[in-house]
Protein backbone atom coordinates (compact mmCIF):
# COMPACT_ATOMS: atom_id res chain seq x y z
CA MET A 1 -47.27 -38.77 -98.10
CA ASN A 2 -46.26 -35.01 -98.32
CA ILE A 3 -42.48 -35.10 -98.76
CA LEU A 4 -39.89 -32.39 -99.06
CA VAL A 5 -36.80 -33.15 -101.00
CA THR A 6 -33.94 -30.63 -100.48
CA GLY A 7 -31.28 -30.50 -103.21
CA GLY A 8 -34.19 -30.91 -105.53
CA ALA A 9 -32.06 -29.54 -108.48
CA GLY A 10 -29.14 -31.85 -107.63
CA PHE A 11 -28.14 -35.26 -109.12
CA ILE A 12 -29.72 -37.56 -106.67
CA GLY A 13 -32.53 -35.14 -105.44
CA SER A 14 -33.88 -34.34 -108.87
CA LYS A 15 -34.20 -38.12 -109.80
CA LEU A 16 -35.68 -38.91 -106.29
CA ALA A 17 -38.36 -36.24 -106.63
CA TYR A 18 -39.29 -37.47 -110.12
CA ARG A 19 -39.74 -41.02 -108.74
CA LEU A 20 -41.64 -39.98 -105.67
CA ALA A 21 -44.04 -37.84 -107.72
CA GLU A 22 -44.36 -40.62 -110.32
CA ARG A 23 -45.57 -43.06 -107.66
CA GLY A 24 -48.11 -40.56 -106.27
CA ASP A 25 -46.60 -38.80 -103.29
CA GLU A 26 -47.18 -35.13 -102.85
CA VAL A 27 -43.58 -33.78 -103.38
CA VAL A 28 -41.98 -30.32 -103.02
CA GLY A 29 -38.31 -29.82 -104.29
CA LEU A 30 -36.08 -27.24 -102.71
CA ASP A 31 -32.73 -25.97 -104.04
CA ASN A 32 -30.82 -22.65 -103.90
CA ILE A 33 -29.49 -23.41 -107.43
CA ASN A 34 -25.96 -22.17 -106.44
CA ASP A 35 -23.13 -21.96 -109.01
CA TYR A 36 -20.77 -24.49 -107.38
CA TYR A 37 -20.95 -26.02 -110.87
CA ASP A 38 -22.64 -25.07 -114.15
CA VAL A 39 -26.30 -24.20 -113.36
CA ARG A 40 -27.47 -25.28 -116.77
CA LEU A 41 -27.15 -28.91 -115.55
CA LYS A 42 -29.34 -28.14 -112.49
CA LEU A 43 -31.92 -26.27 -114.77
CA GLY A 44 -31.91 -29.16 -117.06
CA ARG A 45 -32.63 -31.60 -114.27
CA LEU A 46 -35.57 -29.50 -113.18
CA THR A 47 -36.77 -29.39 -116.81
CA GLN A 48 -36.78 -33.17 -116.76
CA CYS A 49 -39.25 -33.03 -113.81
CA GLY A 50 -41.52 -30.54 -115.58
CA ILE A 51 -40.20 -27.43 -113.75
CA ILE A 52 -39.62 -24.94 -116.41
CA SER A 53 -38.15 -21.54 -116.37
CA HIS A 54 -37.96 -20.02 -119.83
CA SER A 55 -35.68 -17.18 -118.59
CA GLY A 56 -33.48 -19.67 -116.55
CA ARG A 57 -33.98 -17.65 -113.62
CA TYR A 58 -35.85 -18.49 -110.27
CA ILE A 59 -36.89 -15.95 -107.68
CA ASP A 60 -36.14 -16.91 -104.11
CA GLY A 61 -39.34 -18.12 -102.21
CA SER A 62 -41.38 -18.47 -105.36
CA ILE A 63 -43.06 -21.87 -106.02
CA ARG A 64 -43.30 -23.42 -109.56
CA GLU A 65 -45.65 -26.26 -110.44
CA SER A 66 -44.53 -29.21 -112.56
CA THR A 67 -45.97 -29.49 -116.04
CA LEU A 68 -45.34 -33.41 -115.93
CA PHE A 69 -46.83 -33.99 -112.28
CA PRO A 70 -49.63 -32.11 -110.67
CA ASN A 71 -48.31 -33.48 -107.28
CA TYR A 72 -44.88 -31.91 -107.80
CA ARG A 73 -43.78 -28.28 -106.94
CA PHE A 74 -40.45 -26.62 -106.79
CA ILE A 75 -39.17 -23.67 -104.70
CA LYS A 76 -35.80 -21.76 -104.68
CA MET A 77 -34.57 -21.48 -101.19
CA ASP A 78 -31.42 -21.64 -99.13
CA LEU A 79 -31.36 -24.04 -96.22
CA ALA A 80 -29.20 -21.47 -94.24
CA ASP A 81 -32.08 -18.90 -94.49
CA ARG A 82 -33.50 -19.66 -90.87
CA GLY A 83 -36.59 -17.28 -91.16
CA GLN A 84 -37.49 -18.43 -94.63
CA MET A 85 -37.27 -21.95 -93.89
CA ALA A 86 -39.31 -21.77 -90.57
CA GLU A 87 -42.13 -19.96 -92.43
CA PHE A 88 -42.04 -22.45 -95.34
CA PHE A 89 -42.28 -25.47 -93.01
CA GLN A 90 -45.17 -23.92 -91.03
CA GLN A 91 -47.05 -23.51 -94.47
CA GLU A 92 -46.51 -26.82 -95.91
CA LYS A 93 -46.88 -29.32 -93.01
CA PHE A 94 -44.57 -32.07 -94.43
CA ASP A 95 -45.04 -35.64 -93.32
CA ALA A 96 -41.34 -36.49 -94.17
CA VAL A 97 -38.23 -34.75 -95.32
CA VAL A 98 -35.33 -36.16 -97.44
CA ASN A 99 -32.46 -33.71 -96.89
CA LEU A 100 -30.08 -34.08 -99.89
CA ALA A 101 -28.98 -30.42 -100.08
CA ALA A 102 -25.32 -30.04 -99.11
CA GLN A 103 -22.20 -28.39 -100.34
CA ALA A 104 -20.62 -31.32 -102.03
CA GLY A 105 -17.04 -32.22 -103.13
CA VAL A 106 -14.21 -33.45 -100.94
CA ARG A 107 -11.57 -31.42 -102.78
CA TYR A 108 -13.49 -28.13 -102.77
CA SER A 109 -13.67 -28.33 -99.00
CA ILE A 110 -9.89 -27.77 -98.89
CA THR A 111 -10.13 -24.48 -100.47
CA ASN A 112 -13.73 -23.16 -99.62
CA PRO A 113 -14.30 -24.48 -95.96
CA TYR A 114 -16.84 -21.83 -95.03
CA ALA A 115 -19.30 -23.04 -97.79
CA TYR A 116 -19.48 -26.36 -95.87
CA LEU A 117 -20.19 -24.91 -92.53
CA ASP A 118 -23.03 -22.74 -94.09
CA SER A 119 -24.66 -25.58 -96.03
CA ASN A 120 -23.84 -28.79 -94.12
CA LEU A 121 -23.97 -27.58 -90.56
CA VAL A 122 -26.14 -24.35 -90.40
CA GLY A 123 -28.50 -25.64 -93.06
CA PHE A 124 -28.81 -29.05 -91.49
CA MET A 125 -29.55 -27.52 -88.15
CA ASN A 126 -32.33 -25.48 -89.77
CA VAL A 127 -33.78 -28.64 -91.07
CA LEU A 128 -33.67 -30.36 -87.78
CA GLU A 129 -35.23 -27.45 -86.00
CA CYS A 130 -37.93 -27.12 -88.71
CA CYS A 131 -38.72 -30.93 -88.44
CA ARG A 132 -38.92 -30.56 -84.61
CA HIS A 133 -41.27 -27.62 -84.58
CA ASN A 134 -43.56 -28.76 -87.36
CA ASP A 135 -44.49 -32.33 -86.40
CA VAL A 136 -42.51 -33.96 -89.23
CA LYS A 137 -42.76 -37.62 -88.77
CA TYR A 138 -39.39 -38.73 -90.40
CA LEU A 139 -36.20 -37.18 -91.57
CA VAL A 140 -33.92 -39.02 -94.14
CA TYR A 141 -30.67 -37.24 -94.92
CA ALA A 142 -27.47 -37.75 -96.99
CA SER A 143 -24.36 -38.75 -95.21
CA SER A 144 -21.27 -40.04 -97.16
CA SER A 145 -19.02 -42.92 -97.52
CA SER A 146 -16.34 -40.27 -96.82
CA VAL A 147 -17.07 -40.57 -93.09
CA TYR A 148 -14.92 -43.81 -93.08
CA GLY A 149 -11.87 -41.61 -93.67
CA MET A 150 -8.64 -43.56 -92.93
CA ASN A 151 -10.15 -46.79 -92.09
CA ASP A 152 -8.19 -49.87 -93.54
CA LYS A 153 -10.77 -52.67 -92.95
CA VAL A 154 -12.99 -53.35 -95.90
CA PRO A 155 -15.84 -53.68 -96.66
CA PHE A 156 -16.93 -50.54 -94.63
CA SER A 157 -19.73 -51.48 -92.11
CA GLU A 158 -21.98 -49.24 -90.26
CA ASP A 159 -20.50 -50.63 -87.10
CA ASP A 160 -17.03 -49.48 -87.73
CA ARG A 161 -15.57 -46.45 -85.92
CA VAL A 162 -15.80 -43.28 -88.05
CA ASP A 163 -13.73 -40.65 -86.11
CA ASN A 164 -10.83 -40.10 -88.40
CA PRO A 165 -12.05 -38.01 -91.39
CA VAL A 166 -9.47 -36.89 -93.97
CA SER A 167 -11.49 -33.79 -95.03
CA LEU A 168 -13.82 -31.13 -93.76
CA TYR A 169 -16.55 -32.52 -96.06
CA ALA A 170 -16.38 -35.79 -94.31
CA ALA A 171 -16.28 -34.15 -90.92
CA THR A 172 -19.43 -32.30 -91.58
CA LYS A 173 -21.17 -35.52 -92.65
CA LYS A 174 -20.20 -37.14 -89.49
CA ALA A 175 -21.48 -34.05 -87.57
CA ASN A 176 -24.84 -34.48 -89.35
CA GLU A 177 -25.17 -38.05 -88.08
CA LEU A 178 -24.42 -36.91 -84.50
CA MET A 179 -26.75 -33.93 -84.69
CA ALA A 180 -29.56 -36.27 -86.02
CA HIS A 181 -28.92 -38.66 -83.19
CA SER A 182 -29.44 -35.92 -80.60
CA TYR A 183 -32.70 -34.86 -82.12
CA SER A 184 -33.93 -38.49 -82.35
CA LYS A 185 -33.09 -38.99 -78.65
CA LEU A 186 -34.33 -35.56 -77.36
CA TYR A 187 -37.49 -35.12 -79.47
CA GLU A 188 -38.19 -38.74 -80.66
CA LEU A 189 -37.69 -37.66 -84.27
CA PRO A 190 -36.98 -40.73 -86.37
CA THR A 191 -34.04 -40.13 -88.59
CA THR A 192 -32.02 -42.23 -91.01
CA GLY A 193 -28.67 -41.20 -92.56
CA LEU A 194 -27.56 -42.57 -95.81
CA ARG A 195 -23.91 -43.10 -96.54
CA PHE A 196 -23.82 -42.77 -100.21
CA PHE A 197 -20.87 -44.47 -102.08
CA THR A 198 -19.69 -43.06 -105.40
CA VAL A 199 -22.96 -42.28 -107.42
CA TYR A 200 -22.72 -42.04 -111.23
CA GLY A 201 -25.08 -41.95 -114.19
CA PRO A 202 -26.94 -39.46 -116.49
CA TRP A 203 -27.17 -35.96 -115.23
CA GLY A 204 -24.25 -36.48 -112.86
CA ARG A 205 -22.01 -33.71 -111.54
CA PRO A 206 -19.46 -32.20 -113.79
CA ASP A 207 -16.79 -32.26 -110.98
CA MET A 208 -17.03 -36.09 -110.62
CA ALA A 209 -14.78 -38.58 -112.52
CA PRO A 210 -17.24 -39.85 -115.13
CA MET A 211 -18.13 -36.36 -116.46
CA LEU A 212 -14.48 -35.11 -116.12
CA PHE A 213 -13.03 -38.20 -117.97
CA ALA A 214 -15.90 -38.26 -120.85
CA THR A 215 -15.50 -34.51 -121.50
CA ALA A 216 -11.76 -34.73 -121.66
CA ILE A 217 -11.50 -37.80 -123.79
CA SER A 218 -14.23 -36.50 -126.18
CA LYS A 219 -12.15 -33.21 -126.55
CA GLY A 220 -8.85 -35.15 -127.06
CA GLU A 221 -7.65 -33.67 -123.84
CA PRO A 222 -5.63 -35.66 -121.26
CA ILE A 223 -7.20 -37.02 -118.09
CA LYS A 224 -5.76 -36.83 -114.56
CA VAL A 225 -5.38 -40.22 -112.99
CA PHE A 226 -4.56 -39.84 -109.33
CA ASN A 227 -2.42 -42.15 -107.21
CA ASN A 228 -1.15 -43.51 -110.58
CA GLY A 229 -4.46 -45.26 -111.03
CA ASN A 230 -3.99 -47.16 -107.76
CA LEU A 231 -7.58 -46.27 -106.46
CA SER A 232 -10.83 -48.20 -106.37
CA ARG A 233 -14.34 -46.90 -105.75
CA ASP A 234 -17.75 -48.66 -105.08
CA PHE A 235 -19.39 -46.91 -108.07
CA THR A 236 -23.18 -47.18 -107.77
CA TYR A 237 -25.68 -46.29 -110.51
CA ILE A 238 -28.15 -43.55 -109.86
CA ASP A 239 -31.22 -45.60 -110.39
CA ASP A 240 -30.12 -48.12 -107.77
CA ILE A 241 -29.41 -45.26 -105.32
CA VAL A 242 -32.80 -43.67 -105.81
CA GLU A 243 -34.73 -46.98 -105.39
CA GLY A 244 -32.67 -47.72 -102.19
CA THR A 245 -33.49 -44.18 -100.79
CA ILE A 246 -37.30 -44.86 -101.54
CA GLN A 247 -36.96 -48.07 -99.71
CA VAL A 248 -35.60 -46.34 -96.57
CA ILE A 249 -38.39 -43.59 -96.79
CA ASP A 250 -40.88 -46.51 -96.55
CA HIS A 251 -39.03 -48.06 -93.61
CA GLN A 252 -39.10 -45.65 -90.65
CA PRO A 253 -37.04 -46.74 -87.73
CA LYS A 254 -39.10 -47.55 -84.66
CA ALA A 255 -37.52 -46.66 -81.26
CA GLU A 256 -38.29 -50.12 -79.82
CA GLU A 257 -36.19 -51.68 -82.58
CA CYS A 258 -33.10 -49.39 -82.22
CA PRO A 259 -30.36 -49.39 -79.63
CA ASN A 260 -31.26 -47.46 -76.43
CA ASN A 261 -34.78 -46.87 -77.90
CA VAL A 262 -33.42 -44.02 -80.08
CA PRO A 263 -35.23 -44.01 -83.51
CA TRP A 264 -32.04 -43.35 -85.45
CA LYS A 265 -30.26 -45.44 -88.10
CA VAL A 266 -27.47 -45.10 -90.66
CA TYR A 267 -27.19 -47.29 -93.73
CA ASN A 268 -24.48 -47.88 -96.36
CA ILE A 269 -25.97 -47.48 -99.78
CA GLY A 270 -23.54 -48.68 -102.54
CA CYS A 271 -22.98 -51.46 -105.04
CA SER A 272 -20.69 -53.62 -102.83
CA GLN A 273 -18.46 -54.16 -105.89
CA PRO A 274 -15.55 -51.84 -105.80
CA VAL A 275 -14.06 -51.17 -109.19
CA GLN A 276 -10.40 -50.28 -109.93
CA LEU A 277 -10.11 -46.74 -111.42
CA MET A 278 -8.24 -48.02 -114.50
CA ASP A 279 -11.17 -50.53 -115.18
CA PHE A 280 -13.64 -47.64 -114.89
CA ILE A 281 -11.67 -45.54 -117.28
CA ASN A 282 -11.52 -48.51 -119.69
CA GLU A 283 -15.33 -48.78 -119.60
CA ILE A 284 -15.62 -45.11 -120.51
CA GLU A 285 -13.01 -45.47 -123.36
CA SER A 286 -14.80 -48.44 -124.66
CA ALA A 287 -18.30 -46.73 -124.67
CA LEU A 288 -16.87 -43.63 -126.35
CA GLY A 289 -14.71 -45.54 -128.70
CA VAL A 290 -11.69 -43.42 -127.88
CA GLU A 291 -8.59 -44.12 -125.93
CA ALA A 292 -7.77 -41.53 -123.34
CA ASN A 293 -4.48 -39.67 -123.01
CA LYS A 294 -3.67 -40.33 -119.41
CA ILE A 295 -1.52 -38.16 -116.96
CA PHE A 296 -0.57 -40.21 -113.85
CA LEU A 297 -0.27 -38.05 -110.66
CA PRO A 298 0.25 -38.71 -107.03
CA MET A 299 -2.60 -39.03 -104.39
CA GLN A 300 -4.58 -35.89 -103.86
CA GLN A 301 -5.16 -34.23 -100.50
CA GLY A 302 -8.33 -35.55 -98.94
CA ASP A 303 -8.75 -38.64 -101.06
CA VAL A 304 -8.85 -42.20 -99.81
CA LEU A 305 -7.41 -45.35 -101.48
CA LYS A 306 -10.53 -47.49 -101.53
CA THR A 307 -14.24 -47.34 -100.78
CA TYR A 308 -16.30 -50.54 -100.50
CA ALA A 309 -19.77 -50.75 -98.89
CA ASP A 310 -21.13 -53.55 -96.84
CA THR A 311 -24.76 -53.14 -97.66
CA SER A 312 -25.98 -56.21 -95.87
CA LYS A 313 -27.91 -54.14 -93.17
CA LEU A 314 -29.84 -52.24 -95.89
CA GLU A 315 -30.46 -55.32 -97.90
CA ARG A 316 -31.74 -57.21 -94.74
CA GLU A 317 -33.89 -54.44 -93.24
CA CYS A 318 -35.35 -52.63 -96.32
CA GLY A 319 -35.00 -55.10 -99.25
CA TYR A 320 -32.16 -53.13 -101.12
CA LYS A 321 -30.62 -54.85 -103.91
CA PRO A 322 -28.68 -52.83 -106.68
CA SER A 323 -29.06 -54.34 -110.11
CA THR A 324 -27.08 -52.05 -112.72
CA THR A 325 -23.63 -53.67 -113.72
CA LEU A 326 -20.91 -50.98 -114.38
CA HIS A 327 -20.99 -52.00 -118.06
CA GLU A 328 -24.75 -51.19 -118.29
CA GLY A 329 -24.46 -48.05 -116.11
CA ILE A 330 -21.49 -46.50 -118.13
CA GLY A 331 -23.38 -47.42 -121.31
CA LYS A 332 -26.51 -45.43 -120.23
CA PHE A 333 -24.35 -42.58 -119.03
CA ILE A 334 -22.38 -42.17 -122.26
CA GLU A 335 -25.62 -42.45 -124.28
CA TRP A 336 -26.91 -39.49 -122.25
CA PHE A 337 -23.52 -37.70 -122.41
CA LYS A 338 -23.52 -37.80 -126.24
CA SER A 339 -27.20 -36.73 -126.57
CA ASP A 340 -28.71 -33.35 -126.90
CA LEU A 341 -30.25 -33.72 -123.35
CA ASN A 342 -26.75 -32.99 -121.97
CA PRO A 343 -26.52 -29.23 -121.70
CA LEU A 344 -22.68 -29.57 -121.24
CA LYS A 345 -22.26 -31.65 -124.28
CA PRO A 346 -18.82 -30.94 -125.78
């Protein structure tokens, strides 16, 4: 299958592109390599896939071939560039698209709202239009557990109402689901949205808790513990997320099996085992062999108390079964964090 993975220099996208190429699919990774966080991490992820730039610079629209996989290529491009995207899709004739490119981060959306409109709405619209006009057979895209917003009932189910977002980021992800549904209905484009729950592991984003905590603890700096530690998250290891995403790629929704004959689905993809924030910190402290100096702070704007995924639908329909325990996952993360592979190593 000829598959486009947008967000190809991102945390999930780079690992997914690697696994798809490894199993023999024709893969193109796409990313604008923006500077939302340290670009060295993005370049390092690309290097792991055999996409190498000795200067550290990529030219917009230029394609690089992997030195590891003859079936993997990478292009630097912005989803929001309608003309470039249209031309690119016409040239490549993709069978499937996995859209993982987005402006991430709940807290960042409070201070930089327009970045989310450009990437998450305009960019996603361009992806939908390109799929529609170029006979793409299937679109898988990243939604988020943040769509559950202020919901009290746990675990979160795909059948729950999701109309009370607490951040613009969450609102754009819900909008993506609605936009996808309209294209599935109007143009019979099969689409599946994945509501990712807190993903962690090697090569993770530096603005997420594992990297923030590990970096601060390693430097002897205090860590910020919000809501006085009274938070829980459904932490899910990167390898489990990637395997689940591949299972979804291999299970295209059929109109006759979907409500109202619209080939559209959404799935929760998490671990279904929420972890208290303090227990998560204890695992990092144990793996590093250092106790953290903690600053306890009130709840942050845009945050939620608890995330907890009901993944029974994904398990039943696609065979998803996460297998990495928190202890194992944190151990692998810290091993990478302390290694020379980590370009941000303290």
